[in-house]
Amino acid sequence: MQNINNISYIKDSKVINIKSEILCREAEDDFFYFNKVNTAYKKLTEAVKLSPYHLKSIMLLADICFIKGFIKKALNLYYKAVQISMPNAKILAAIANCEYCTGNYLTALEYCEKAIEILNRENYMLFSQIFEIKINILMQQKKYKQAYIAFIQSQNLLDNSALKSIHNLNYETLNEKINLQKKLKLSNLKIV
């Protein structure tokens, strides 16, 4: 009996080509075990061409693009990943980091907040990295009080081991900037 119905139950754009999966797995091996970044990049580029909705390939390709310094390409891939998947803290944090690197601080801060909202507290490493990006963004914008508040929030939420990296990098600089702002305010001097 032939099927003469023209209704397709499979959406062609969402089908994952098996070759994409094979290329992605080979690229993972090349990247993680053999340190062949360029080989992995080529395989993942081909995998994404074959299956544009293969999230695993898109994410790894975006990570490799970021490592290679192709920030805008990585950012486009992360945005594509957001469109095809559920909100994911890793993807949102990656977008925040790319936006921070390109100097789009407001967008980066927005994505930091989104990532913090949906992140579960068990993932301390990602949580500390997001807070570090957020603090760095606020410091770049010279919003030292807000950065200090974010630092205090991170102290309350994170354990001591995860907090050491943030503390070592930002606390001393942040403390100096806040004290300098206080001195300027008390002296009624303006910087021209």
N, C-alpha and C. Protein backbone atom coordinates (compact mmCIF):
# COMPACT_ATOMS: atom_id res chain seq x y z
N MET A 1 0.83 -1.18 0.00
CA MET A 1 0.00 0.00 0.00
C MET A 1 0.88 1.25 0.00
N GLN A 2 0.63 2.15 -0.87
CA GLN A 2 1.42 3.36 -0.98
C GLN A 2 0.82 4.46 -0.13
N ASN A 3 1.71 5.30 0.34
CA ASN A 3 1.27 6.47 1.08
C ASN A 3 1.15 7.62 0.09
N ILE A 4 -0.07 8.03 -0.18
CA ILE A 4 -0.26 9.11 -1.15
C ILE A 4 -0.51 10.44 -0.47
N ASN A 5 -0.40 10.44 0.83
CA ASN A 5 -0.59 11.66 1.59
C ASN A 5 0.66 12.53 1.48
N ASN A 6 0.50 13.78 1.19
CA ASN A 6 1.63 14.69 1.02
C ASN A 6 2.09 15.35 2.32
N ILE A 7 1.47 14.98 3.42
CA ILE A 7 1.83 15.59 4.70
C ILE A 7 3.13 14.98 5.21
N SER A 8 4.07 15.81 5.50
CA SER A 8 5.34 15.34 6.05
C SER A 8 5.34 15.59 7.55
N TYR A 9 5.58 14.55 8.32
CA TYR A 9 5.58 14.68 9.78
C TYR A 9 6.95 15.06 10.32
N ILE A 10 7.92 15.07 9.48
CA ILE A 10 9.27 15.43 9.90
C ILE A 10 9.61 16.78 9.31
N LYS A 11 9.99 17.68 10.16
CA LYS A 11 10.38 19.00 9.70
C LYS A 11 11.82 18.89 9.18
N ASP A 12 11.99 19.11 7.88
CA ASP A 12 13.29 18.89 7.25
C ASP A 12 14.41 19.72 7.86
N SER A 13 14.10 20.92 8.30
CA SER A 13 15.15 21.78 8.81
C SER A 13 15.68 21.33 10.17
N LYS A 14 14.94 20.47 10.88
CA LYS A 14 15.35 20.03 12.20
C LYS A 14 15.97 18.64 12.22
N VAL A 15 16.06 18.01 11.08
CA VAL A 15 16.63 16.67 11.00
C VAL A 15 18.15 16.78 11.08
N ILE A 16 18.74 15.94 11.91
CA ILE A 16 20.20 15.93 12.08
C ILE A 16 20.80 14.88 11.16
N ASN A 17 21.67 15.29 10.30
CA ASN A 17 22.37 14.39 9.39
C ASN A 17 23.36 13.57 10.21
N ILE A 18 23.38 12.27 9.99
CA ILE A 18 24.28 11.38 10.74
C ILE A 18 25.74 11.76 10.52
N LYS A 19 26.04 12.26 9.34
CA LYS A 19 27.41 12.71 9.03
C LYS A 19 27.80 13.88 9.95
N SER A 20 26.84 14.73 10.28
CA SER A 20 27.11 15.85 11.20
C SER A 20 27.51 15.34 12.58
N GLU A 21 26.78 14.33 13.03
CA GLU A 21 27.09 13.75 14.34
C GLU A 21 28.48 13.12 14.35
N ILE A 22 28.81 12.41 13.28
CA ILE A 22 30.14 11.79 13.18
C ILE A 22 31.23 12.86 13.15
N LEU A 23 31.02 13.90 12.34
CA LEU A 23 32.00 14.99 12.26
C LEU A 23 32.15 15.69 13.61
N CYS A 24 31.05 15.87 14.31
CA CYS A 24 31.09 16.53 15.62
C CYS A 24 31.89 15.69 16.62
N ARG A 25 31.66 14.41 16.63
CA ARG A 25 32.39 13.53 17.55
C ARG A 25 33.88 13.48 17.21
N GLU A 26 34.19 13.44 15.94
CA GLU A 26 35.60 13.47 15.53
C GLU A 26 36.25 14.81 15.93
N ALA A 27 35.50 15.88 15.76
CA ALA A 27 36.00 17.20 16.13
C ALA A 27 36.23 17.30 17.64
N GLU A 28 35.33 16.70 18.42
CA GLU A 28 35.54 16.68 19.87
C GLU A 28 36.84 15.97 20.21
N ASP A 29 37.08 14.83 19.59
CA ASP A 29 38.34 14.12 19.83
C ASP A 29 39.54 14.96 19.41
N ASP A 30 39.44 15.56 18.22
CA ASP A 30 40.54 16.38 17.73
C ASP A 30 40.83 17.55 18.68
N PHE A 31 39.79 18.17 19.15
CA PHE A 31 39.94 19.35 19.99
C PHE A 31 40.37 19.00 21.41
N PHE A 32 39.65 18.10 22.06
CA PHE A 32 39.89 17.83 23.47
C PHE A 32 41.09 16.92 23.72
N TYR A 33 41.34 15.96 22.85
CA TYR A 33 42.38 14.97 23.12
C TYR A 33 43.67 15.19 22.33
N PHE A 34 43.55 15.69 21.10
CA PHE A 34 44.73 15.80 20.25
C PHE A 34 45.19 17.23 20.01
N ASN A 35 44.43 18.19 20.55
CA ASN A 35 44.78 19.62 20.43
C ASN A 35 44.91 20.06 18.97
N LYS A 36 44.09 19.52 18.12
CA LYS A 36 44.06 19.90 16.70
C LYS A 36 42.89 20.86 16.50
N VAL A 37 43.09 22.10 16.85
CA VAL A 37 42.02 23.09 16.82
C VAL A 37 41.55 23.35 15.39
N ASN A 38 42.47 23.51 14.46
CA ASN A 38 42.09 23.82 13.08
C ASN A 38 41.34 22.67 12.42
N THR A 39 41.76 21.45 12.70
CA THR A 39 41.06 20.28 12.15
C THR A 39 39.64 20.21 12.70
N ALA A 40 39.52 20.43 14.00
CA ALA A 40 38.19 20.42 14.62
C ALA A 40 37.32 21.53 14.04
N TYR A 41 37.91 22.69 13.82
CA TYR A 41 37.17 23.83 13.25
C TYR A 41 36.62 23.48 11.87
N LYS A 42 37.44 22.86 11.03
CA LYS A 42 36.99 22.49 9.68
C LYS A 42 35.87 21.46 9.72
N LYS A 43 36.01 20.46 10.59
CA LYS A 43 34.98 19.42 10.69
C LYS A 43 33.68 19.99 11.21
N LEU A 44 33.76 20.87 12.18
CA LEU A 44 32.53 21.45 12.74
C LEU A 44 31.86 22.40 11.76
N THR A 45 32.64 23.12 10.98
CA THR A 45 32.07 23.99 9.96
C THR A 45 31.27 23.15 8.97
N GLU A 46 31.81 22.01 8.58
CA GLU A 46 31.12 21.10 7.67
C GLU A 46 29.87 20.51 8.34
N ALA A 47 29.98 20.16 9.60
CA ALA A 47 28.84 19.58 10.33
C ALA A 47 27.68 20.57 10.43
N VAL A 48 28.00 21.84 10.67
CA VAL A 48 26.95 22.87 10.77
C VAL A 48 26.33 23.15 9.41
N LYS A 49 27.13 23.04 8.35
CA LYS A 49 26.56 23.20 7.00
C LYS A 49 25.58 22.08 6.70
N LEU A 50 25.92 20.85 7.09
CA LEU A 50 25.05 19.72 6.83
C LEU A 50 23.78 19.75 7.68
N SER A 51 23.93 20.13 8.95
CA SER A 51 22.79 20.18 9.88
C SER A 51 22.83 21.50 10.64
N PRO A 52 22.17 22.52 10.12
CA PRO A 52 22.24 23.85 10.75
C PRO A 52 21.61 23.93 12.13
N TYR A 53 20.87 22.91 12.56
CA TYR A 53 20.22 22.93 13.87
C TYR A 53 20.84 21.93 14.85
N HIS A 54 22.03 21.45 14.57
CA HIS A 54 22.71 20.51 15.45
C HIS A 54 23.40 21.30 16.55
N LEU A 55 22.75 21.37 17.70
CA LEU A 55 23.18 22.24 18.79
C LEU A 55 24.60 21.92 19.27
N LYS A 56 24.90 20.66 19.40
CA LYS A 56 26.22 20.26 19.88
C LYS A 56 27.33 20.76 18.96
N SER A 57 27.12 20.66 17.67
CA SER A 57 28.11 21.15 16.70
C SER A 57 28.23 22.67 16.75
N ILE A 58 27.09 23.33 16.85
CA ILE A 58 27.09 24.80 16.90
C ILE A 58 27.84 25.29 18.12
N MET A 59 27.58 24.68 19.27
CA MET A 59 28.22 25.12 20.51
C MET A 59 29.73 24.91 20.48
N LEU A 60 30.15 23.75 20.03
CA LEU A 60 31.58 23.48 19.98
C LEU A 60 32.27 24.37 18.95
N LEU A 61 31.62 24.58 17.81
CA LEU A 61 32.17 25.48 16.80
C LEU A 61 32.29 26.90 17.35
N ALA A 62 31.27 27.34 18.07
CA ALA A 62 31.31 28.68 18.67
C ALA A 62 32.44 28.79 19.69
N ASP A 63 32.62 27.76 20.50
CA ASP A 63 33.71 27.77 21.49
C ASP A 63 35.07 27.85 20.80
N ILE A 64 35.22 27.09 19.73
CA ILE A 64 36.48 27.10 18.99
C ILE A 64 36.69 28.45 18.30
N CYS A 65 35.64 29.01 17.76
CA CYS A 65 35.75 30.34 17.14
C CYS A 65 36.21 31.37 18.16
N PHE A 66 35.66 31.29 19.36
CA PHE A 66 36.06 32.22 20.42
C PHE A 66 37.54 32.05 20.76
N ILE A 67 37.97 30.81 20.87
CA ILE A 67 39.37 30.53 21.18
C ILE A 67 40.29 31.04 20.07
N LYS A 68 39.86 30.90 18.83
CA LYS A 68 40.67 31.36 17.69
C LYS A 68 40.62 32.87 17.51
N GLY A 69 39.74 33.56 18.26
CA GLY A 69 39.67 35.01 18.17
C GLY A 69 38.62 35.51 17.21
N PHE A 70 37.79 34.62 16.69
CA PHE A 70 36.69 35.01 15.80
C PHE A 70 35.46 35.32 16.66
N ILE A 71 35.53 36.41 17.40
CA ILE A 71 34.53 36.73 18.41
C ILE A 71 33.15 36.95 17.78
N LYS A 72 33.09 37.70 16.69
CA LYS A 72 31.78 37.99 16.06
C LYS A 72 31.15 36.72 15.50
N LYS A 73 31.95 35.85 14.92
CA LYS A 73 31.42 34.59 14.41
C LYS A 73 30.93 33.72 15.56
N ALA A 74 31.69 33.69 16.63
CA ALA A 74 31.27 32.93 17.82
C ALA A 74 29.97 33.49 18.37
N LEU A 75 29.87 34.80 18.43
CA LEU A 75 28.66 35.45 18.94
C LEU A 75 27.44 35.10 18.09
N ASN A 76 27.60 35.11 16.77
CA ASN A 76 26.50 34.74 15.88
C ASN A 76 26.07 33.28 16.10
N LEU A 77 27.04 32.41 16.31
CA LEU A 77 26.72 31.01 16.56
C LEU A 77 26.02 30.83 17.90
N TYR A 78 26.45 31.56 18.93
CA TYR A 78 25.78 31.48 20.23
C TYR A 78 24.34 31.99 20.14
N TYR A 79 24.14 33.08 19.40
CA TYR A 79 22.77 33.58 19.20
C TYR A 79 21.91 32.55 18.47
N LYS A 80 22.51 31.87 17.52
CA LYS A 80 21.78 30.82 16.80
C LYS A 80 21.43 29.68 17.76
N ALA A 81 22.34 29.36 18.65
CA ALA A 81 22.09 28.30 19.63
C ALA A 81 20.95 28.67 20.57
N VAL A 82 20.87 29.94 20.94
CA VAL A 82 19.77 30.40 21.80
C VAL A 82 18.44 30.24 21.10
N GLN A 83 18.42 30.50 19.80
CA GLN A 83 17.17 30.40 19.04
C GLN A 83 16.66 28.98 18.91
N ILE A 84 17.57 28.00 18.88
CA ILE A 84 17.13 26.63 18.65
C ILE A 84 17.04 25.79 19.91
N SER A 85 17.39 26.33 21.06
CA SER A 85 17.34 25.53 22.28
C SER A 85 16.62 26.28 23.39
N MET A 86 16.38 25.56 24.45
CA MET A 86 15.80 26.17 25.65
C MET A 86 16.85 27.12 26.23
N PRO A 87 16.42 28.11 27.03
CA PRO A 87 17.41 28.98 27.67
C PRO A 87 18.40 28.15 28.48
N ASN A 88 19.65 28.39 28.23
CA ASN A 88 20.73 27.61 28.83
C ASN A 88 21.74 28.59 29.41
N ALA A 89 22.11 28.40 30.66
CA ALA A 89 23.03 29.33 31.33
C ALA A 89 24.38 29.39 30.64
N LYS A 90 24.86 28.27 30.14
CA LYS A 90 26.17 28.26 29.46
C LYS A 90 26.14 29.11 28.20
N ILE A 91 25.07 28.97 27.42
CA ILE A 91 24.96 29.75 26.19
C ILE A 91 24.83 31.24 26.51
N LEU A 92 23.99 31.57 27.49
CA LEU A 92 23.81 32.97 27.86
C LEU A 92 25.10 33.57 28.40
N ALA A 93 25.84 32.80 29.19
CA ALA A 93 27.13 33.28 29.71
C ALA A 93 28.13 33.47 28.58
N ALA A 94 28.11 32.59 27.60
CA ALA A 94 29.01 32.72 26.45
C ALA A 94 28.69 33.98 25.65
N ILE A 95 27.40 34.26 25.49
CA ILE A 95 27.00 35.49 24.79
C ILE A 95 27.47 36.71 25.58
N ALA A 96 27.29 36.66 26.89
CA ALA A 96 27.73 37.78 27.74
C ALA A 96 29.23 38.00 27.59
N ASN A 97 29.99 36.92 27.57
CA ASN A 97 31.44 37.03 27.44
C ASN A 97 31.83 37.60 26.08
N CYS A 98 31.18 37.15 25.01
CA CYS A 98 31.47 37.68 23.67
C CYS A 98 31.10 39.16 23.57
N GLU A 99 29.94 39.50 24.09
CA GLU A 99 29.51 40.91 24.06
C GLU A 99 30.48 41.77 24.88
N TYR A 100 30.95 41.25 25.98
CA TYR A 100 31.94 41.97 26.79
C TYR A 100 33.23 42.18 26.00
N CYS A 101 33.67 41.16 25.30
CA CYS A 101 34.90 41.26 24.49
C CYS A 101 34.77 42.26 23.35
N THR A 102 33.56 42.39 22.80
CA THR A 102 33.36 43.34 21.71
C THR A 102 33.04 44.75 22.20
N GLY A 103 32.90 44.91 23.51
CA GLY A 103 32.67 46.24 24.09
C GLY A 103 31.21 46.62 24.22
N ASN A 104 30.30 45.69 23.98
CA ASN A 104 28.86 45.94 24.15
C ASN A 104 28.48 45.62 25.59
N TYR A 105 28.82 46.53 26.49
CA TYR A 105 28.70 46.26 27.92
C TYR A 105 27.25 46.13 28.39
N LEU A 106 26.36 46.93 27.85
CA LEU A 106 24.95 46.85 28.28
C LEU A 106 24.34 45.50 27.92
N THR A 107 24.59 45.04 26.70
CA THR A 107 24.07 43.75 26.28
C THR A 107 24.73 42.63 27.08
N ALA A 108 26.02 42.76 27.32
CA ALA A 108 26.74 41.75 28.10
C ALA A 108 26.17 41.65 29.51
N LEU A 109 25.90 42.78 30.11
CA LEU A 109 25.34 42.81 31.46
C LEU A 109 23.94 42.19 31.48
N GLU A 110 23.17 42.47 30.46
CA GLU A 110 21.83 41.89 30.34
C GLU A 110 21.90 40.36 30.28
N TYR A 111 22.82 39.83 29.49
CA TYR A 111 22.94 38.38 29.37
C TYR A 111 23.55 37.76 30.63
N CYS A 112 24.39 38.49 31.35
CA CYS A 112 24.88 38.01 32.65
C CYS A 112 23.71 37.81 33.60
N GLU A 113 22.84 38.80 33.65
CA GLU A 113 21.67 38.72 34.53
C GLU A 113 20.77 37.55 34.15
N LYS A 114 20.55 37.36 32.85
CA LYS A 114 19.72 36.24 32.40
C LYS A 114 20.34 34.90 32.79
N ALA A 115 21.65 34.79 32.64
CA ALA A 115 22.34 33.55 32.97
C ALA A 115 22.28 33.28 34.48
N ILE A 116 22.45 34.32 35.28
CA ILE A 116 22.41 34.16 36.74
C ILE A 116 21.01 33.72 37.19
N GLU A 117 19.98 34.25 36.54
CA GLU A 117 18.60 33.91 36.90
C GLU A 117 18.31 32.42 36.72
N ILE A 118 18.79 31.83 35.64
CA ILE A 118 18.42 30.44 35.37
C ILE A 118 19.48 29.42 35.80
N LEU A 119 20.59 29.88 36.31
CA LEU A 119 21.68 28.98 36.69
C LEU A 119 21.37 28.33 38.02
N ASN A 120 21.56 27.03 38.10
CA ASN A 120 21.40 26.37 39.39
C ASN A 120 22.68 26.55 40.21
N ARG A 121 22.51 26.66 41.48
CA ARG A 121 23.61 27.00 42.40
C ARG A 121 24.68 25.92 42.49
N GLU A 122 24.40 24.72 42.00
CA GLU A 122 25.39 23.64 42.09
C GLU A 122 26.56 23.85 41.14
N ASN A 123 26.37 24.60 40.08
CA ASN A 123 27.42 24.82 39.10
C ASN A 123 28.25 26.05 39.49
N TYR A 124 29.10 25.87 40.50
CA TYR A 124 29.85 26.99 41.06
C TYR A 124 30.84 27.60 40.08
N MET A 125 31.45 26.77 39.25
CA MET A 125 32.46 27.31 38.34
C MET A 125 31.84 28.28 37.34
N LEU A 126 30.75 27.90 36.73
CA LEU A 126 30.09 28.80 35.78
C LEU A 126 29.53 30.01 36.50
N PHE A 127 28.99 29.79 37.70
CA PHE A 127 28.44 30.88 38.49
C PHE A 127 29.51 31.92 38.81
N SER A 128 30.69 31.47 39.22
CA SER A 128 31.77 32.41 39.54
C SER A 128 32.27 33.13 38.29
N GLN A 129 32.28 32.43 37.15
CA GLN A 129 32.72 33.06 35.91
C GLN A 129 31.74 34.14 35.47
N ILE A 130 30.44 33.87 35.61
CA ILE A 130 29.44 34.87 35.24
C ILE A 130 29.56 36.10 36.14
N PHE A 131 29.72 35.86 37.44
CA PHE A 131 29.87 37.00 38.35
C PHE A 131 31.14 37.78 38.05
N GLU A 132 32.19 37.08 37.67
CA GLU A 132 33.44 37.77 37.32
C GLU A 132 33.24 38.65 36.09
N ILE A 133 32.55 38.14 35.08
CA ILE A 133 32.25 38.94 33.89
C ILE A 133 31.40 40.15 34.27
N LYS A 134 30.39 39.92 35.11
CA LYS A 134 29.52 41.01 35.53
C LYS A 134 30.30 42.10 36.27
N ILE A 135 31.17 41.70 37.16
CA ILE A 135 31.98 42.67 37.92
C ILE A 135 32.92 43.42 36.98
N ASN A 136 33.53 42.72 36.05
CA ASN A 136 34.42 43.37 35.08
C ASN A 136 33.67 44.38 34.21
N ILE A 137 32.46 44.03 33.80
CA ILE A 137 31.65 44.95 32.99
C ILE A 137 31.35 46.21 33.78
N LEU A 138 30.91 46.04 35.01
CA LEU A 138 30.58 47.19 35.84
C LEU A 138 31.81 48.05 36.11
N MET A 139 32.96 47.43 36.25
CA MET A 139 34.19 48.20 36.46
C MET A 139 34.58 48.96 35.19
N GLN A 140 34.37 48.35 34.02
CA GLN A 140 34.66 49.03 32.76
C GLN A 140 33.75 50.25 32.58
N GLN A 141 32.52 50.14 33.09
CA GLN A 141 31.58 51.24 32.99
C GLN A 141 31.76 52.25 34.13
N LYS A 142 32.75 52.01 34.98
CA LYS A 142 33.05 52.86 36.14
C LYS A 142 31.88 52.92 37.12
N LYS A 143 31.14 51.83 37.22
CA LYS A 143 30.05 51.69 38.19
C LYS A 143 30.59 50.85 39.34
N TYR A 144 31.47 51.45 40.12
CA TYR A 144 32.20 50.71 41.14
C TYR A 144 31.32 50.26 42.30
N LYS A 145 30.34 51.07 42.67
CA LYS A 145 29.45 50.67 43.76
C LYS A 145 28.61 49.47 43.36
N GLN A 146 28.11 49.47 42.14
CA GLN A 146 27.34 48.31 41.67
C GLN A 146 28.23 47.08 41.56
N ALA A 147 29.47 47.27 41.14
CA ALA A 147 30.41 46.16 41.07
C ALA A 147 30.68 45.60 42.46
N TYR A 148 30.79 46.49 43.43
CA TYR A 148 31.02 46.05 44.80
C TYR A 148 29.81 45.28 45.32
N ILE A 149 28.61 45.74 45.00
CA ILE A 149 27.40 45.04 45.40
C ILE A 149 27.35 43.65 44.75
N ALA A 150 27.72 43.57 43.49
CA ALA A 150 27.77 42.27 42.81
C ALA A 150 28.81 41.37 43.47
N PHE A 151 29.92 41.95 43.89
CA PHE A 151 30.95 41.17 44.57
C PHE A 151 30.41 40.62 45.89
N ILE A 152 29.70 41.45 46.64
CA ILE A 152 29.11 41.01 47.91
C ILE A 152 28.07 39.92 47.66
N GLN A 153 27.26 40.08 46.59
CA GLN A 153 26.28 39.03 46.24
C GLN A 153 26.99 37.72 45.94
N SER A 154 28.09 37.81 45.21
CA SER A 154 28.82 36.59 44.89
C SER A 154 29.40 35.96 46.15
N GLN A 155 29.82 36.77 47.12
CA GLN A 155 30.31 36.24 48.38
C GLN A 155 29.23 35.46 49.10
N ASN A 156 28.02 35.98 49.06
CA ASN A 156 26.91 35.32 49.76
C ASN A 156 26.48 34.03 49.08
N LEU A 157 26.66 33.95 47.77
CA LEU A 157 26.17 32.80 47.02
C LEU A 157 27.20 31.71 46.78
N LEU A 158 28.47 32.10 46.73
CA LEU A 158 29.50 31.14 46.36
C LEU A 158 30.29 30.68 47.58
N ASP A 159 30.89 29.52 47.45
CA ASP A 159 31.77 29.05 48.51
C ASP A 159 33.14 29.73 48.39
N ASN A 160 33.99 29.52 49.36
CA ASN A 160 35.28 30.21 49.40
C ASN A 160 36.21 29.83 48.26
N SER A 161 36.21 28.58 47.84
CA SER A 161 37.14 28.18 46.78
C SER A 161 36.78 28.83 45.45
N ALA A 162 35.49 28.92 45.14
CA ALA A 162 35.07 29.55 43.88
C ALA A 162 35.25 31.06 43.94
N LEU A 163 35.20 31.62 45.14
CA LEU A 163 35.28 33.06 45.30
C LEU A 163 36.72 33.59 45.22
N LYS A 164 37.69 32.73 45.47
CA LYS A 164 39.09 33.18 45.50
C LYS A 164 39.52 33.80 44.17
N SER A 165 39.09 33.24 43.07
CA SER A 165 39.50 33.79 41.77
C SER A 165 38.94 35.19 41.57
N ILE A 166 37.68 35.40 41.94
CA ILE A 166 37.09 36.72 41.82
C ILE A 166 37.77 37.69 42.77
N HIS A 167 38.00 37.25 43.99
CA HIS A 167 38.59 38.12 45.01
C HIS A 167 39.99 38.56 44.60
N ASN A 168 40.79 37.64 44.14
CA ASN A 168 42.16 37.97 43.77
C ASN A 168 42.22 38.96 42.62
N LEU A 169 41.33 38.84 41.67
CA LEU A 169 41.38 39.69 40.48
C LEU A 169 40.76 41.06 40.68
N ASN A 170 39.67 41.12 41.40
CA ASN A 170 38.89 42.35 41.39
C ASN A 170 38.81 43.12 42.70
N TYR A 171 38.89 42.45 43.81
CA TYR A 171 38.57 43.12 45.06
C TYR A 171 39.50 44.28 45.36
N GLU A 172 40.79 44.08 45.21
CA GLU A 172 41.74 45.15 45.53
C GLU A 172 41.55 46.37 44.62
N THR A 173 41.41 46.12 43.32
CA THR A 173 41.19 47.21 42.37
C THR A 173 39.87 47.91 42.66
N LEU A 174 38.86 47.15 42.92
CA LEU A 174 37.54 47.70 43.22
C LEU A 174 37.56 48.54 44.48
N ASN A 175 38.22 48.05 45.49
CA ASN A 175 38.33 48.78 46.75
C ASN A 175 39.07 50.11 46.55
N GLU A 176 40.14 50.09 45.78
CA GLU A 176 40.89 51.33 45.50
C GLU A 176 40.02 52.34 44.75
N LYS A 177 39.27 51.88 43.76
CA LYS A 177 38.43 52.78 42.96
C LYS A 177 37.33 53.41 43.82
N ILE A 178 36.71 52.62 44.68
CA ILE A 178 35.65 53.15 45.54
C ILE A 178 36.23 54.18 46.51
N ASN A 179 37.39 53.89 47.09
CA ASN A 179 38.02 54.85 48.01
C ASN A 179 38.41 56.13 47.28
N LEU A 180 38.89 56.00 46.04
CA LEU A 180 39.24 57.17 45.25
C LEU A 180 38.00 58.02 44.95
N GLN A 181 36.90 57.37 44.61
CA GLN A 181 35.66 58.12 44.36
C GLN A 181 35.20 58.85 45.62
N LYS A 182 35.32 58.20 46.78
CA LYS A 182 34.93 58.84 48.04
C LYS A 182 35.79 60.07 48.31
N LYS A 183 37.09 59.95 48.07
CA LYS A 183 37.99 61.08 48.30
C LYS A 183 37.65 62.24 47.35
N LEU A 184 37.38 61.92 46.10
CA LEU A 184 37.02 62.96 45.14
C LEU A 184 35.71 63.66 45.53
N LYS A 185 34.78 62.89 46.02
CA LYS A 185 33.51 63.47 46.41
C LYS A 185 33.69 64.39 47.63
N LEU A 186 34.50 63.97 48.57
CA LEU A 186 34.73 64.79 49.77
C LEU A 186 35.53 66.04 49.48
N SER A 187 36.42 65.97 48.49
CA SER A 187 37.27 67.13 48.19
C SER A 187 36.59 68.13 47.25
N ASN A 188 35.45 67.77 46.70
CA ASN A 188 34.70 68.62 45.77
C ASN A 188 35.51 68.98 44.52
N LEU A 189 36.48 68.15 44.16
CA LEU A 189 37.25 68.35 42.93
C LEU A 189 36.56 67.61 41.80
N LYS A 190 36.72 68.13 40.62
CA LYS A 190 36.16 67.46 39.44
C LYS A 190 37.29 67.15 38.49
N ILE A 191 37.23 65.96 37.90
CA ILE A 191 38.22 65.57 36.93
C ILE A 191 37.75 66.06 35.57
N VAL A 192 38.65 66.76 34.88
CA VAL A 192 38.30 67.35 33.58
C VAL A 192 39.00 66.56 32.50
